[in-house]
Amino acid sequence: MFFNKKQMSSELVKVQTAFSYGCAFYSTFTMLSHR
């Protein structure tokens, strides 16, 4: 249970990082597209 929880948090961090990068990339892309 303990190891599983640790693994889950690690995966969550990975997902959050990827999501934030994707959001930043998407916002920049839309900004450039609208201009």
N, C-alpha and C. Protein backbone atom coordinates (compact mmCIF):
# COMPACT_ATOMS: atom_id res chain seq x y z
N MET A 1 0.84 -1.20 0.00
CA MET A 1 0.00 0.00 0.00
C MET A 1 0.88 1.26 0.00
N PHE A 2 1.92 1.24 0.82
CA PHE A 2 2.79 2.41 0.91
C PHE A 2 3.51 2.68 -0.41
N PHE A 3 4.05 1.59 -0.99
CA PHE A 3 4.78 1.73 -2.26
C PHE A 3 3.83 2.19 -3.36
N ASN A 4 2.62 1.63 -3.34
CA ASN A 4 1.64 1.99 -4.35
C ASN A 4 1.32 3.48 -4.29
N LYS A 5 1.17 3.99 -3.06
CA LYS A 5 0.86 5.41 -2.87
C LYS A 5 2.00 6.26 -3.42
N LYS A 6 3.24 5.85 -3.14
CA LYS A 6 4.40 6.60 -3.59
C LYS A 6 4.44 6.62 -5.12
N GLN A 7 4.19 5.46 -5.72
CA GLN A 7 4.21 5.36 -7.17
C GLN A 7 3.12 6.24 -7.77
N MET A 8 1.95 6.24 -7.15
CA MET A 8 0.83 7.03 -7.65
C MET A 8 1.18 8.51 -7.66
N SER A 9 1.78 9.01 -6.57
CA SER A 9 2.13 10.42 -6.49
C SER A 9 3.16 10.76 -7.57
N SER A 10 4.10 9.83 -7.80
CA SER A 10 5.13 10.06 -8.82
C SER A 10 4.48 10.17 -10.20
N GLU A 11 3.53 9.29 -10.47
CA GLU A 11 2.84 9.33 -11.76
C GLU A 11 2.04 10.62 -11.88
N LEU A 12 1.43 11.04 -10.76
CA LEU A 12 0.63 12.26 -10.76
C LEU A 12 1.50 13.46 -11.10
N VAL A 13 2.71 13.50 -10.53
CA VAL A 13 3.63 14.60 -10.80
C VAL A 13 3.99 14.61 -12.28
N LYS A 14 4.23 13.42 -12.83
CA LYS A 14 4.57 13.32 -14.26
C LYS A 14 3.44 13.87 -15.11
N VAL A 15 2.22 13.46 -14.78
CA VAL A 15 1.04 13.90 -15.53
C VAL A 15 0.87 15.41 -15.41
N GLN A 16 1.02 15.93 -14.19
CA GLN A 16 0.87 17.37 -13.98
C GLN A 16 1.90 18.15 -14.77
N THR A 17 3.15 17.67 -14.78
CA THR A 17 4.21 18.35 -15.52
C THR A 17 3.89 18.35 -17.01
N ALA A 18 3.52 17.18 -17.53
CA ALA A 18 3.18 17.07 -18.95
C ALA A 18 1.99 17.98 -19.28
N PHE A 19 1.00 18.02 -18.39
CA PHE A 19 -0.19 18.84 -18.62
C PHE A 19 0.17 20.32 -18.66
N SER A 20 1.01 20.77 -17.71
CA SER A 20 1.39 22.18 -17.67
C SER A 20 2.17 22.55 -18.93
N TYR A 21 3.07 21.66 -19.37
CA TYR A 21 3.84 21.91 -20.59
C TYR A 21 2.90 22.01 -21.78
N GLY A 22 1.94 21.09 -21.85
CA GLY A 22 0.98 21.08 -22.95
C GLY A 22 0.15 22.36 -22.95
N CYS A 23 -0.28 22.81 -21.78
CA CYS A 23 -1.07 24.04 -21.68
C CYS A 23 -0.26 25.23 -22.18
N ALA A 24 0.98 25.34 -21.73
CA ALA A 24 1.84 26.45 -22.14
C ALA A 24 2.04 26.43 -23.65
N PHE A 25 2.32 25.25 -24.20
CA PHE A 25 2.54 25.10 -25.64
C PHE A 25 1.27 25.47 -26.40
N TYR A 26 0.12 25.01 -25.91
CA TYR A 26 -1.16 25.27 -26.57
C TYR A 26 -1.49 26.77 -26.56
N SER A 27 -1.30 27.42 -25.42
CA SER A 27 -1.59 28.86 -25.33
C SER A 27 -0.70 29.65 -26.27
N THR A 28 0.59 29.28 -26.32
CA THR A 28 1.53 29.97 -27.22
C THR A 28 1.11 29.74 -28.67
N PHE A 29 0.74 28.52 -28.99
CA PHE A 29 0.33 28.19 -30.36
C PHE A 29 -0.90 28.99 -30.77
N THR A 30 -1.90 29.07 -29.89
CA THR A 30 -3.12 29.81 -30.21
C THR A 30 -2.81 31.30 -30.36
N MET A 31 -1.94 31.83 -29.52
CA MET A 31 -1.56 33.24 -29.61
C MET A 31 -0.94 33.53 -30.97
N LEU A 32 -0.01 32.66 -31.39
CA LEU A 32 0.66 32.85 -32.67
C LEU A 32 -0.34 32.69 -33.82
N SER A 33 -1.26 31.76 -33.67
CA SER A 33 -2.24 31.50 -34.74
C SER A 33 -3.17 32.70 -34.90
N HIS A 34 -3.63 33.26 -33.80
CA HIS A 34 -4.56 34.39 -33.87
C HIS A 34 -3.90 35.63 -34.43
N ARG A 35 -2.58 35.73 -34.29
CA ARG A 35 -1.88 36.90 -34.82
C ARG A 35 -1.59 36.64 -36.29
